[in-house]
């Protein structure tokens, strides 16, 4: 699989994960729409980078912000949501790592795996 097709598939997967269930019956889109702290807006980086990756791949590799930057943004947003936000809210670090994976929906799992593969696997 070449880099263009790989990028297109994972861009669609990561963007779609934003609209799937992230746990407790709410998608990341619902989380961003709802009331709450400013940290929830970091989740917007996931579909934004997915769409920009898709546009860049379909535009013969002319990425608006650079492919490497756009590949790492979803992973950084997911890591911030999983680890950074609970630490900002004052949870002990041990409880943060104990709660990883509990109550996650399919969209959250797809976002984690898709963003990890997107960031770390770089085909020729």
PDB file of N, CA and C in Angstrom:
ATOM      1  N   UNK A   1       0.854  -1.167   0.000  1.00  0.00           N
ATOM      2  CA  UNK A   1       0.000   0.000   0.000  1.00  0.00           C
ATOM      3  C   UNK A   1       0.906   1.239   0.000  1.00  0.00           C
ATOM      4  N   UNK A   2       0.614   2.157  -0.896  1.00  0.00           N
ATOM      5  CA  UNK A   2       1.443   3.345  -0.970  1.00  0.00           C
ATOM      6  C   UNK A   2       0.990   4.392   0.058  1.00  0.00           C
ATOM      7  N   UNK A   3       1.792   5.418   0.208  1.00  0.00           N
ATOM      8  CA  UNK A   3       1.565   6.435   1.226  1.00  0.00           C
ATOM      9  C   UNK A   3       0.251   7.188   0.996  1.00  0.00           C
ATOM     10  N   UNK A   4      -0.089   7.440  -0.264  1.00  0.00           N
ATOM     11  CA  UNK A   4      -1.308   8.195  -0.566  1.00  0.00           C
ATOM     12  C   UNK A   4      -2.553   7.427  -0.127  1.00  0.00           C
ATOM     13  N   UNK A   5      -2.645   6.161  -0.498  1.00  0.00           N
ATOM     14  CA  UNK A   5      -3.817   5.357  -0.132  1.00  0.00           C
ATOM     15  C   UNK A   5      -3.888   5.139   1.372  1.00  0.00           C
ATOM     16  N   UNK A   6      -2.756   4.900   1.979  1.00  0.00           N
ATOM     17  CA  UNK A   6      -2.689   4.733   3.432  1.00  0.00           C
ATOM     18  C   UNK A   6      -3.196   5.987   4.150  1.00  0.00           C
ATOM     19  N   UNK A   7      -2.761   7.140   3.681  1.00  0.00           N
ATOM     20  CA  UNK A   7      -3.178   8.400   4.291  1.00  0.00           C
ATOM     21  C   UNK A   7      -4.663   8.636   4.097  1.00  0.00           C
ATOM     22  N   UNK A   8      -5.183   8.351   2.942  1.00  0.00           N
ATOM     23  CA  UNK A   8      -6.615   8.540   2.678  1.00  0.00           C
ATOM     24  C   UNK A   8      -7.451   7.659   3.596  1.00  0.00           C
ATOM     25  N   UNK A   9      -7.086   6.385   3.702  1.00  0.00           N
ATOM     26  CA  UNK A   9      -7.860   5.460   4.539  1.00  0.00           C
ATOM     27  C   UNK A   9      -7.822   5.883   6.003  1.00  0.00           C
ATOM     28  N   UNK A  10      -6.643   6.171   6.530  1.00  0.00           N
ATOM     29  CA  UNK A  10      -6.548   6.540   7.942  1.00  0.00           C
ATOM     30  C   UNK A  10      -7.135   7.925   8.228  1.00  0.00           C
ATOM     31  N   UNK A  11      -7.095   8.830   7.265  1.00  0.00           N
ATOM     32  CA  UNK A  11      -7.736  10.133   7.454  1.00  0.00           C
ATOM     33  C   UNK A  11      -9.245   9.970   7.598  1.00  0.00           C
ATOM     34  N   UNK A  12      -9.828   9.107   6.793  1.00  0.00           N
ATOM     35  CA  UNK A  12     -11.267   8.850   6.892  1.00  0.00           C
ATOM     36  C   UNK A  12     -11.596   8.132   8.204  1.00  0.00           C
ATOM     37  N   UNK A  13     -10.774   7.183   8.598  1.00  0.00           N
ATOM     38  CA  UNK A  13     -11.001   6.442   9.843  1.00  0.00           C
ATOM     39  C   UNK A  13     -10.939   7.369  11.053  1.00  0.00           C
ATOM     40  N   UNK A  14      -9.918   8.207  11.113  1.00  0.00           N
ATOM     41  CA  UNK A  14      -9.748   9.107  12.253  1.00  0.00           C
ATOM     42  C   UNK A  14     -10.870  10.151  12.286  1.00  0.00           C
ATOM     43  N   UNK A  15     -11.249  10.665  11.132  1.00  0.00           N
ATOM     44  CA  UNK A  15     -12.343  11.644  11.080  1.00  0.00           C
ATOM     45  C   UNK A  15     -13.659  10.998  11.488  1.00  0.00           C
ATOM     46  N   UNK A  16     -13.921   9.780  11.028  1.00  0.00           N
ATOM     47  CA  UNK A  16     -15.165   9.085  11.380  1.00  0.00           C
ATOM     48  C   UNK A  16     -15.219   8.755  12.866  1.00  0.00           C
ATOM     49  N   UNK A  17     -14.080   8.484  13.485  1.00  0.00           N
ATOM     50  CA  UNK A  17     -14.077   8.142  14.910  1.00  0.00           C
ATOM     51  C   UNK A  17     -14.575   9.299  15.770  1.00  0.00           C
ATOM     52  N   UNK A  18     -14.418  10.514  15.292  1.00  0.00           N
ATOM     53  CA  UNK A  18     -14.886  11.695  16.016  1.00  0.00           C
ATOM     54  C   UNK A  18     -16.406  11.680  16.169  1.00  0.00           C
ATOM     55  N   UNK A  19     -17.108  11.073  15.215  1.00  0.00           N
ATOM     56  CA  UNK A  19     -18.564  11.078  15.217  1.00  0.00           C
ATOM     57  C   UNK A  19     -19.168   9.785  15.772  1.00  0.00           C
ATOM     58  N   UNK A  20     -18.347   8.821  16.153  1.00  0.00           N
ATOM     59  CA  UNK A  20     -18.827   7.582  16.762  1.00  0.00           C
ATOM     60  C   UNK A  20     -18.854   7.720  18.280  1.00  0.00           C
ATOM     61  N   UNK A  21     -19.404   6.721  18.951  1.00  0.00           N
ATOM     62  CA  UNK A  21     -19.563   6.753  20.411  1.00  0.00           C
ATOM     63  C   UNK A  21     -18.213   6.741  21.119  1.00  0.00           C
ATOM     64  N   UNK A  22     -18.006   7.729  21.987  1.00  0.00           N
ATOM     65  CA  UNK A  22     -16.769   7.818  22.770  1.00  0.00           C
ATOM     66  C   UNK A  22     -16.995   7.336  24.195  1.00  0.00           C
ATOM     67  N   UNK A  23     -18.152   6.857  24.502  1.00  0.00           N
ATOM     68  CA  UNK A  23     -18.464   6.352  25.832  1.00  0.00           C
ATOM     69  C   UNK A  23     -19.663   7.075  26.408  1.00  0.00           C
ATOM     70  N   UNK A  24     -20.464   6.334  27.126  1.00  0.00           N
ATOM     71  CA  UNK A  24     -21.663   6.870  27.775  1.00  0.00           C
ATOM     72  C   UNK A  24     -22.643   7.468  26.765  1.00  0.00           C
ATOM     73  N   UNK A  25     -22.660   6.944  25.543  1.00  0.00           N
ATOM     74  CA  UNK A  25     -23.616   7.361  24.529  1.00  0.00           C
ATOM     75  C   UNK A  25     -23.333   8.702  23.885  1.00  0.00           C
ATOM     76  N   UNK A  26     -22.156   9.244  24.049  1.00  0.00           N
ATOM     77  CA  UNK A  26     -21.826  10.546  23.468  1.00  0.00           C
ATOM     78  C   UNK A  26     -20.629  10.420  22.535  1.00  0.00           C
ATOM     79  N   UNK A  27     -20.740  11.062  21.391  1.00  0.00           N
ATOM     80  CA  UNK A  27     -19.601  11.116  20.482  1.00  0.00           C
ATOM     81  C   UNK A  27     -18.705  12.287  20.880  1.00  0.00           C
ATOM     82  N   UNK A  28     -17.532  12.351  20.285  1.00  0.00           N
ATOM     83  CA  UNK A  28     -16.647  13.493  20.549  1.00  0.00           C
ATOM     84  C   UNK A  28     -17.294  14.776  20.047  1.00  0.00           C
ATOM     85  N   UNK A  29     -18.089  14.675  18.992  1.00  0.00           N
ATOM     86  CA  UNK A  29     -18.822  15.832  18.491  1.00  0.00           C
ATOM     87  C   UNK A  29     -19.805  16.335  19.540  1.00  0.00           C
ATOM     88  N   UNK A  30     -20.507  15.402  20.201  1.00  0.00           N
ATOM     89  CA  UNK A  30     -21.431  15.781  21.276  1.00  0.00           C
ATOM     90  C   UNK A  30     -20.691  16.400  22.457  1.00  0.00           C
ATOM     91  N   UNK A  31     -19.511  15.879  22.748  1.00  0.00           N
ATOM     92  CA  UNK A  31     -18.713  16.412  23.855  1.00  0.00           C
ATOM     93  C   UNK A  31     -18.302  17.846  23.568  1.00  0.00           C
ATOM     94  N   UNK A  32     -17.880  18.109  22.339  1.00  0.00           N
ATOM     95  CA  UNK A  32     -17.455  19.461  21.972  1.00  0.00           C
ATOM     96  C   UNK A  32     -18.646  20.415  21.962  1.00  0.00           C
ATOM     97  N   UNK A  33     -19.810  19.942  21.514  1.00  0.00           N
ATOM     98  CA  UNK A  33     -21.003  20.799  21.485  1.00  0.00           C
ATOM     99  C   UNK A  33     -21.511  21.139  22.875  1.00  0.00           C
ATOM    100  N   UNK A  34     -21.328  20.250  23.829  1.00  0.00           N
ATOM    101  CA  UNK A  34     -21.878  20.439  25.165  1.00  0.00           C
ATOM    102  C   UNK A  34     -21.098  21.453  25.986  1.00  0.00           C
ATOM    103  N   UNK A  35     -21.697  21.797  27.115  1.00  0.00           N
ATOM    104  CA  UNK A  35     -21.040  22.736  28.027  1.00  0.00           C
ATOM    105  C   UNK A  35     -19.918  22.028  28.761  1.00  0.00           C
ATOM    106  N   UNK A  36     -18.924  22.786  29.143  1.00  0.00           N
ATOM    107  CA  UNK A  36     -17.825  22.197  29.873  1.00  0.00           C
ATOM    108  C   UNK A  36     -16.566  23.023  29.763  1.00  0.00           C
ATOM    109  N   UNK A  37     -15.463  22.449  30.196  1.00  0.00           N
ATOM    110  CA  UNK A  37     -14.198  23.197  30.220  1.00  0.00           C
ATOM    111  C   UNK A  37     -13.630  23.421  28.817  1.00  0.00           C
ATOM    112  N   UNK A  38     -12.630  24.273  28.743  1.00  0.00           N
ATOM    113  CA  UNK A  38     -11.996  24.594  27.465  1.00  0.00           C
ATOM    114  C   UNK A  38     -11.261  23.408  26.867  1.00  0.00           C
ATOM    115  N   UNK A  39     -10.888  22.443  27.680  1.00  0.00           N
ATOM    116  CA  UNK A  39     -10.086  21.320  27.213  1.00  0.00           C
ATOM    117  C   UNK A  39     -10.787  20.484  26.146  1.00  0.00           C
ATOM    118  N   UNK A  40     -12.116  20.516  26.145  1.00  0.00           N
ATOM    119  CA  UNK A  40     -12.852  19.702  25.182  1.00  0.00           C
ATOM    120  C   UNK A  40     -12.590  20.134  23.738  1.00  0.00           C
ATOM    121  N   UNK A  41     -12.189  21.386  23.541  1.00  0.00           N
ATOM    122  CA  UNK A  41     -11.953  21.882  22.186  1.00  0.00           C
ATOM    123  C   UNK A  41     -10.689  21.312  21.551  1.00  0.00           C
ATOM    124  N   UNK A  42      -9.854  20.673  22.328  1.00  0.00           N
ATOM    125  CA  UNK A  42      -8.672  20.001  21.775  1.00  0.00           C
ATOM    126  C   UNK A  42      -9.118  18.851  20.868  1.00  0.00           C
ATOM    127  N   UNK A  43     -10.285  18.281  21.140  1.00  0.00           N
ATOM    128  CA  UNK A  43     -10.791  17.175  20.324  1.00  0.00           C
ATOM    129  C   UNK A  43     -11.063  17.591  18.888  1.00  0.00           C
ATOM    130  N   UNK A  44     -11.242  18.874  18.628  1.00  0.00           N
ATOM    131  CA  UNK A  44     -11.498  19.345  17.266  1.00  0.00           C
ATOM    132  C   UNK A  44     -10.288  19.094  16.366  1.00  0.00           C
ATOM    133  N   UNK A  45      -9.103  18.954  16.966  1.00  0.00           N
ATOM    134  CA  UNK A  45      -7.913  18.673  16.164  1.00  0.00           C
ATOM    135  C   UNK A  45      -8.006  17.337  15.432  1.00  0.00           C
ATOM    136  N   UNK A  46      -8.790  16.406  15.952  1.00  0.00           N
ATOM    137  CA  UNK A  46      -8.889  15.074  15.342  1.00  0.00           C
ATOM    138  C   UNK A  46      -9.543  15.145  13.958  1.00  0.00           C
ATOM    139  N   UNK A  47     -10.782  15.643  13.828  1.00  0.00           N
ATOM    140  CA  UNK A  47     -11.355  15.683  12.472  1.00  0.00           C
ATOM    141  C   UNK A  47     -10.703  16.738  11.588  1.00  0.00           C
ATOM    142  N   UNK A  48     -10.214  17.822  12.189  1.00  0.00           N
ATOM    143  CA  UNK A  48      -9.564  18.863  11.403  1.00  0.00           C
ATOM    144  C   UNK A  48      -8.318  18.327  10.709  1.00  0.00           C
ATOM    145  N   UNK A  49      -7.481  17.620  11.450  1.00  0.00           N
ATOM    146  CA  UNK A  49      -6.286  17.058  10.830  1.00  0.00           C
ATOM    147  C   UNK A  49      -6.641  15.936   9.864  1.00  0.00           C
ATOM    148  N   UNK A  50      -7.687  15.170  10.164  1.00  0.00           N
ATOM    149  CA  UNK A  50      -8.126  14.131   9.235  1.00  0.00           C
ATOM    150  C   UNK A  50      -8.578  14.699   7.901  1.00  0.00           C
ATOM    151  N   UNK A  51      -9.344  15.774   7.948  1.00  0.00           N
ATOM    152  CA  UNK A  51      -9.814  16.408   6.716  1.00  0.00           C
ATOM    153  C   UNK A  51      -8.636  17.027   5.951  1.00  0.00           C
ATOM    154  N   UNK A  52      -7.716  17.676   6.660  1.00  0.00           N
ATOM    155  CA  UNK A  52      -6.559  18.274   5.992  1.00  0.00           C
ATOM    156  C   UNK A  52      -5.645  17.206   5.394  1.00  0.00           C
ATOM    157  N   UNK A  53      -5.525  16.060   6.052  1.00  0.00           N
ATOM    158  CA  UNK A  53      -4.760  14.948   5.478  1.00  0.00           C
ATOM    159  C   UNK A  53      -5.432  14.410   4.223  1.00  0.00           C
ATOM    160  N   UNK A  54      -6.735  14.307   4.258  1.00  0.00           N
ATOM    161  CA  UNK A  54      -7.485  13.827   3.100  1.00  0.00           C
ATOM    162  C   UNK A  54      -7.332  14.790   1.929  1.00  0.00           C
ATOM    163  N   UNK A  55      -7.455  16.078   2.190  1.00  0.00           N
ATOM    164  CA  UNK A  55      -7.292  17.081   1.140  1.00  0.00           C
ATOM    165  C   UNK A  55      -5.879  17.034   0.567  1.00  0.00           C
ATOM    166  N   UNK A  56      -4.890  16.933   1.430  1.00  0.00           N
ATOM    167  CA  UNK A  56      -3.508  16.887   0.966  1.00  0.00           C
ATOM    168  C   UNK A  56      -3.206  15.646   0.151  1.00  0.00           C
ATOM    169  N   UNK A  57      -3.724  14.510   0.584  1.00  0.00           N
ATOM    170  CA  UNK A  57      -3.476  13.269  -0.154  1.00  0.00           C
ATOM    171  C   UNK A  57      -4.153  13.291  -1.521  1.00  0.00           C
ATOM    172  N   UNK A  58      -5.350  13.839  -1.575  1.00  0.00           N
ATOM    173  CA  UNK A  58      -6.054  13.933  -2.854  1.00  0.00           C
ATOM    174  C   UNK A  58      -5.478  15.028  -3.747  1.00  0.00           C
ATOM    175  N   UNK A  59      -4.677  15.908  -3.182  1.00  0.00           N
ATOM    176  CA  UNK A  59      -4.065  17.010  -3.921  1.00  0.00           C
ATOM    177  C   UNK A  59      -2.598  16.679  -4.260  1.00  0.00           C
ATOM    178  N   UNK A  60      -2.326  15.415  -4.531  1.00  0.00           N
ATOM    179  CA  UNK A  60      -0.995  14.932  -4.932  1.00  0.00           C
ATOM    180  C   UNK A  60       0.095  15.250  -3.920  1.00  0.00           C
ATOM    181  N   UNK A  61      -0.217  15.142  -2.642  1.00  0.00           N
ATOM    182  CA  UNK A  61       0.796  15.299  -1.607  1.00  0.00           C
ATOM    183  C   UNK A  61       1.085  16.722  -1.189  1.00  0.00           C
ATOM    184  N   UNK A  62       0.263  17.664  -1.584  1.00  0.00           N
ATOM    185  CA  UNK A  62       0.426  19.060  -1.155  1.00  0.00           C
ATOM    186  C   UNK A  62      -0.397  19.292   0.109  1.00  0.00           C
ATOM    187  N   UNK A  63       0.191  18.994   1.247  1.00  0.00           N
ATOM    188  CA  UNK A  63      -0.505  19.098   2.523  1.00  0.00           C
ATOM    189  C   UNK A  63      -0.432  20.530   3.045  1.00  0.00           C
ATOM    190  N   UNK A  64      -1.545  21.064   3.563  1.00  0.00           N
ATOM    191  CA  UNK A  64      -1.569  22.455   4.036  1.00  0.00           C
ATOM    192  C   UNK A  64      -0.569  22.757   5.151  1.00  0.00           C
ATOM    193  N   UNK A  65      -0.387  21.852   6.101  1.00  0.00           N
ATOM    194  CA  UNK A  65       0.520  22.105   7.222  1.00  0.00           C
ATOM    195  C   UNK A  65       1.686  21.127   7.285  1.00  0.00           C
ATOM    196  N   UNK A  66       1.814  20.295   6.316  1.00  0.00           N
ATOM    197  CA  UNK A  66       2.855  19.267   6.339  1.00  0.00           C
ATOM    198  C   UNK A  66       2.283  17.957   6.848  1.00  0.00           C
ATOM    199  N   UNK A  67       2.627  16.874   6.186  1.00  0.00           N
ATOM    200  CA  UNK A  67       2.050  15.575   6.527  1.00  0.00           C
ATOM    201  C   UNK A  67       2.432  15.119   7.925  1.00  0.00           C
ATOM    202  N   UNK A  68       3.689  15.294   8.295  1.00  0.00           N
ATOM    203  CA  UNK A  68       4.119  14.827   9.614  1.00  0.00           C
ATOM    204  C   UNK A  68       3.378  15.531  10.741  1.00  0.00           C
ATOM    205  N   UNK A  69       3.203  16.823  10.621  1.00  0.00           N
ATOM    206  CA  UNK A  69       2.464  17.570  11.646  1.00  0.00           C
ATOM    207  C   UNK A  69       1.018  17.092  11.730  1.00  0.00           C
ATOM    208  N   UNK A  70       0.390  16.936  10.584  1.00  0.00           N
ATOM    209  CA  UNK A  70      -1.011  16.508  10.572  1.00  0.00           C
ATOM    210  C   UNK A  70      -1.185  15.069  11.038  1.00  0.00           C
ATOM    211  N   UNK A  71      -0.170  14.234  10.868  1.00  0.00           N
ATOM    212  CA  UNK A  71      -0.255  12.853  11.343  1.00  0.00           C
ATOM    213  C   UNK A  71      -0.133  12.761  12.865  1.00  0.00           C
ATOM    214  N   UNK A  72       0.607  13.661  13.471  1.00  0.00           N
ATOM    215  CA  UNK A  72       0.807  13.617  14.924  1.00  0.00           C
ATOM    216  C   UNK A  72      -0.297  14.333  15.707  1.00  0.00           C
ATOM    217  N   UNK A  73      -1.009  15.263  15.106  1.00  0.00           N
ATOM    218  CA  UNK A  73      -2.032  16.024  15.841  1.00  0.00           C
ATOM    219  C   UNK A  73      -3.143  15.156  16.447  1.00  0.00           C
ATOM    220  N   UNK A  74      -3.711  14.176  15.724  1.00  0.00           N
ATOM    221  CA  UNK A  74      -4.749  13.357  16.363  1.00  0.00           C
ATOM    222  C   UNK A  74      -4.231  12.581  17.571  1.00  0.00           C
ATOM    223  N   UNK A  75      -3.011  12.047  17.478  1.00  0.00           N
ATOM    224  CA  UNK A  75      -2.447  11.307  18.602  1.00  0.00           C
ATOM    225  C   UNK A  75      -2.230  12.226  19.801  1.00  0.00           C
ATOM    226  N   UNK A  76      -1.715  13.403  19.563  1.00  0.00           N
ATOM    227  CA  UNK A  76      -1.512  14.352  20.662  1.00  0.00           C
ATOM    228  C   UNK A  76      -2.832  14.765  21.298  1.00  0.00           C
ATOM    229  N   UNK A  77      -3.871  14.948  20.482  1.00  0.00           N
ATOM    230  CA  UNK A  77      -5.186  15.302  21.022  1.00  0.00           C
ATOM    231  C   UNK A  77      -5.759  14.164  21.866  1.00  0.00           C
ATOM    232  N   UNK A  78      -5.608  12.932  21.391  1.00  0.00           N
ATOM    233  CA  UNK A  78      -6.109  11.776  22.139  1.00  0.00           C
ATOM    234  C   UNK A  78      -5.332  11.606  23.447  1.00  0.00           C
ATOM    235  N   UNK A  79      -4.020  11.760  23.400  1.00  0.00           N
ATOM    236  CA  UNK A  79      -3.220  11.641  24.625  1.00  0.00           C
ATOM    237  C   UNK A  79      -3.564  12.742  25.621  1.00  0.00           C
ATOM    238  N   UNK A  80      -3.816  13.931  25.125  1.00  0.00           N
ATOM    239  CA  UNK A  80      -4.225  15.010  26.017  1.00  0.00           C
ATOM    240  C   UNK A  80      -5.557  14.677  26.673  1.00  0.00           C
ATOM    241  N   UNK A  81      -6.486  14.127  25.896  1.00  0.00           N
ATOM    242  CA  UNK A  81      -7.813  13.795  26.426  1.00  0.00           C
ATOM    243  C   UNK A  81      -7.731  12.667  27.454  1.00  0.00           C
ATOM    244  N   UNK A  82      -6.842  11.692  27.220  1.00  0.00           N
ATOM    245  CA  UNK A  82      -6.739  10.531  28.100  1.00  0.00           C
ATOM    246  C   UNK A  82      -5.929  10.851  29.361  1.00  0.00           C
ATOM    247  N   UNK A  83      -4.810  11.546  29.202  1.00  0.00           N
ATOM    248  CA  UNK A  83      -3.889  11.742  30.324  1.00  0.00           C
ATOM    249  C   UNK A  83      -3.849  13.191  30.815  1.00  0.00           C
ATOM    250  N   UNK A  84      -3.712  14.128  29.893  1.00  0.00           N
ATOM    251  CA  UNK A  84      -3.526  15.529  30.275  1.00  0.00           C
ATOM    252  C   UNK A  84      -4.715  16.153  30.964  1.00  0.00           C
ATOM    253  N   UNK A  85      -5.900  15.942  30.413  1.00  0.00           N
ATOM    254  CA  UNK A  85      -7.089  16.575  30.996  1.00  0.00           C
ATOM    255  C   UNK A  85      -7.390  16.083  32.409  1.00  0.00           C
ATOM    256  N   UNK A  86      -7.344  14.783  32.678  1.00  0.00           N
ATOM    257  CA  UNK A  86      -7.569  14.357  34.072  1.00  0.00           C
ATOM    258  C   UNK A  86      -6.522  14.916  35.040  1.00  0.00           C
ATOM    259  N   UNK A  87      -5.282  15.047  34.591  1.00  0.00           N
ATOM    260  CA  UNK A  87      -4.252  15.619  35.461  1.00  0.00           C
ATOM    261  C   UNK A  87      -4.514  17.092  35.737  1.00  0.00           C
ATOM    262  N   UNK A  88      -4.994  17.811  34.739  1.00  0.00           N
ATOM    263  CA  UNK A  88      -5.346  19.220  34.935  1.00  0.00           C
ATOM    264  C   UNK A  88      -6.491  19.344  35.929  1.00  0.00           C
ATOM    265  N   UNK A  89      -7.431  18.413  35.877  1.00  0.00           N
ATOM    266  CA  UNK A  89      -8.577  18.441  36.780  1.00  0.00           C
ATOM    267  C   UNK A  89      -8.228  17.985  38.190  1.00  0.00           C
ATOM    268  N   UNK A  90      -7.029  17.483  38.416  1.00  0.00           N
ATOM    269  CA  UNK A  90      -6.579  17.157  39.758  1.00  0.00           C
ATOM    270  C   UNK A  90      -6.646  15.705  40.157  1.00  0.00           C
ATOM    271  N   UNK A  91      -6.863  14.800  39.202  1.00  0.00           N
ATOM    272  CA  UNK A  91      -6.879  13.378  39.531  1.00  0.00           C
ATOM    273  C   UNK A  91      -5.450  12.897  39.796  1.00  0.00           C
ATOM    274  N   UNK A  92      -5.266  11.985  40.744  1.00  0.00           N
ATOM    275  CA  UNK A  92      -3.927  11.417  40.956  1.00  0.00           C
ATOM    276  C   UNK A  92      -3.487  10.615  39.733  1.00  0.00           C
ATOM    277  N   UNK A  93      -2.201  10.640  39.454  1.00  0.00           N
ATOM    278  CA  UNK A  93      -1.680  10.000  38.251  1.00  0.00           C
ATOM    279  C   UNK A  93      -1.960   8.499  38.232  1.00  0.00           C
ATOM    280  N   UNK A  94      -1.950   7.860  39.375  1.00  0.00           N
ATOM    281  CA  UNK A  94      -2.253   6.430  39.432  1.00  0.00           C
ATOM    282  C   UNK A  94      -3.679   6.137  39.005  1.00  0.00           C
ATOM    283  N   UNK A  95      -4.618   6.990  39.418  1.00  0.00           N
ATOM    284  CA  UNK A  95      -6.010   6.797  39.024  1.00  0.00           C
ATOM    285  C   UNK A  95      -6.215   7.049  37.539  1.00  0.00           C
ATOM    286  N   UNK A  96      -5.442   7.957  36.980  1.00  0.00           N
ATOM    287  CA  UNK A  96      -5.548   8.246  35.551  1.00  0.00           C
ATOM    288  C   UNK A  96      -5.181   6.999  34.750  1.00  0.00           C
ATOM    289  N   UNK A  97      -4.077   6.352  35.108  1.00  0.00           N
ATOM    290  CA  UNK A  97      -3.648   5.178  34.358  1.00  0.00           C
ATOM    291  C   UNK A  97      -4.516   3.953  34.647  1.00  0.00           C
ATOM    292  N   UNK A  98      -5.127   3.886  35.818  1.00  0.00           N
ATOM    293  CA  UNK A  98      -6.033   2.776  36.122  1.00  0.00           C
ATOM    294  C   UNK A  98      -7.322   2.880  35.319  1.00  0.00           C
ATOM    295  N   UNK A  99      -7.730   4.092  34.991  1.00  0.00           N
ATOM    296  CA  UNK A  99      -9.008   4.281  34.309  1.00  0.00           C
ATOM    297  C   UNK A  99      -8.897   4.226  32.786  1.00  0.00           C
ATOM    298  N   UNK A 100      -7.702   4.055  32.256  1.00  0.00           N
ATOM    299  CA  UNK A 100      -7.541   4.004  30.794  1.00  0.00           C
ATOM    300  C   UNK A 100      -8.278   2.779  30.257  1.00  0.00           C
ATOM    301  N   UNK A 101      -9.139   3.027  29.309  1.00  0.00           N
ATOM    302  CA  UNK A 101      -9.892   1.963  28.656  1.00  0.00           C
ATOM    303  C   UNK A 101     -11.236   1.657  29.277  1.00  0.00           C
ATOM    304  N   UNK A 102     -11.494   2.143  30.472  1.00  0.00           N
ATOM    305  CA  UNK A 102     -12.762   1.843  31.133  1.00  0.00           C
ATOM    306  C   UNK A 102     -13.834   2.825  30.662  1.00  0.00           C
ATOM    307  N   UNK A 103     -14.914   2.288  30.151  1.00  0.00           N
ATOM    308  CA  UNK A 103     -16.033   3.109  29.714  1.00  0.00           C
ATOM    309  C   UNK A 103     -15.852   3.750  28.348  1.00  0.00           C
ATOM    310  N   UNK A 104     -14.828   3.332  27.625  1.00  0.00           N
ATOM    311  CA  UNK A 104     -14.603   3.893  26.295  1.00  0.00           C
ATOM    312  C   UNK A 104     -15.566   3.268  25.301  1.00  0.00           C
ATOM    313  N   UNK A 105     -16.030   4.071  24.366  1.00  0.00           N
ATOM    314  CA  UNK A 105     -16.857   3.578  23.282  1.00  0.00           C
ATOM    315  C   UNK A 105     -16.004   3.217  22.072  1.00  0.00           C
ATOM    316  N   UNK A 106     -16.648   2.724  21.042  1.00  0.00           N
ATOM    317  CA  UNK A 106     -15.938   2.273  19.846  1.00  0.00           C
ATOM    318  C   UNK A 106     -15.208   3.421  19.155  1.00  0.00           C
ATOM    319  N   UNK A 107     -15.784   4.605  19.164  1.00  0.00           N
ATOM    320  CA  UNK A 107     -15.133   5.750  18.542  1.00  0.00           C
ATOM    321  C   UNK A 107     -13.835   6.128  19.228  1.00  0.00           C
ATOM    322  N   UNK A 108     -13.827   6.023  20.555  1.00  0.00           N
ATOM    323  CA  UNK A 108     -12.619   6.340  21.314  1.00  0.00           C
ATOM    324  C   UNK A 108     -11.519   5.336  20.987  1.00  0.00           C
ATOM    325  N   UNK A 109     -11.873   4.055  20.930  1.00  0.00           N
ATOM    326  CA  UNK A 109     -10.890   3.031  20.602  1.00  0.00           C
ATOM    327  C   UNK A 109     -10.349   3.218  19.184  1.00  0.00           C
ATOM    328  N   UNK A 110     -11.232   3.515  18.246  1.00  0.00           N
ATOM    329  CA  UNK A 110     -10.800   3.728  16.862  1.00  0.00           C
ATOM    330  C   UNK A 110      -9.894   4.951  16.770  1.00  0.00           C
ATOM    331  N   UNK A 111     -10.219   5.998  17.519  1.00  0.00           N
ATOM    332  CA  UNK A 111      -9.378   7.205  17.515  1.00  0.00           C
ATOM    333  C   UNK A 111      -7.991   6.908  18.070  1.00  0.00           C
ATOM    334  N   UNK A 112      -7.929   6.131  19.134  1.00  0.00           N
ATOM    335  CA  UNK A 112      -6.638   5.800  19.734  1.00  0.00           C
ATOM    336  C   UNK A 112      -5.791   4.962  18.775  1.00  0.00           C
ATOM    337  N   UNK A 113      -6.353   3.886  18.269  1.00  0.00           N
ATOM    338  CA  UNK A 113      -5.604   2.990  17.390  1.00  0.00           C
ATOM    339  C   UNK A 113      -5.276   3.677  16.058  1.00  0.00           C
ATOM    340  N   UNK A 114      -6.269   4.342  15.467  1.00  0.00           N
ATOM    341  CA  UNK A 114      -6.050   5.009  14.184  1.00  0.00           C
ATOM    342  C   UNK A 114      -5.007   6.110  14.265  1.00  0.00           C
ATOM    343  N   UNK A 115      -5.066   6.916  15.319  1.00  0.00           N
ATOM    344  CA  UNK A 115      -4.087   8.001  15.446  1.00  0.00           C
ATOM    345  C   UNK A 115      -2.694   7.458  15.757  1.00  0.00           C
ATOM    346  N   UNK A 116      -2.628   6.368  16.505  1.00  0.00           N
ATOM    347  CA  UNK A 116      -1.336   5.748  16.799  1.00  0.00           C
ATOM    348  C   UNK A 116      -0.699   5.184  15.528  1.00  0.00           C
ATOM    349  N   UNK A 117      -1.476   4.483  14.724  1.00  0.00           N
ATOM    350  CA  UNK A 117      -0.966   3.938  13.463  1.00  0.00           C
ATOM    351  C   UNK A 117      -0.596   5.067  12.510  1.00  0.00           C
ATOM    352  N   UNK A 118      -1.420   6.089  12.432  1.00  0.00           N
ATOM    353  CA  UNK A 118      -1.151   7.220  11.561  1.00  0.00           C
ATOM    354  C   UNK A 118       0.147   7.915  11.914  1.00  0.00           C
ATOM    355  N   UNK A 119       0.406   8.067  13.195  1.00  0.00           N
ATOM    356  CA  UNK A 119       1.601   8.787  13.634  1.00  0.00           C
ATOM    357  C   UNK A 119       2.872   7.952  13.515  1.00  0.00           C
ATOM    358  N   UNK A 120       2.786   6.654  13.770  1.00  0.00           N
ATOM    359  CA  UNK A 120       3.999   5.845  13.873  1.00  0.00           C
ATOM    360  C   UNK A 120       4.363   5.074  12.611  1.00  0.00           C
ATOM    361  N   UNK A 121       3.391   4.738  11.786  1.00  0.00           N
ATOM    362  CA  UNK A 121       3.681   3.961  10.573  1.00  0.00           C
ATOM    363  C   UNK A 121       3.778   4.915   9.391  1.00  0.00           C
ATOM    364  N   UNK A 122       4.900   4.936   8.731  1.00  0.00           N
ATOM    365  CA  UNK A 122       5.128   5.862   7.638  1.00  0.00           C
ATOM    366  C   UNK A 122       5.592   5.072   6.408  1.00  0.00           C
ATOM    367  N   UNK A 123       4.651   4.633   5.541  1.00  0.00           N
ATOM    368  CA  UNK A 123       5.059   3.834   4.381  1.00  0.00           C
ATOM    369  C   UNK A 123       5.796   4.677   3.350  1.00  0.00           C
ATOM    370  N   UNK A 124       6.509   4.013   2.489  1.00  0.00           N
ATOM    371  CA  UNK A 124       7.263   4.697   1.415  1.00  0.00           C
ATOM    372  C   UNK A 124       6.349   5.157   0.322  1.00  0.00           C
TER     373      UNK A 124
END
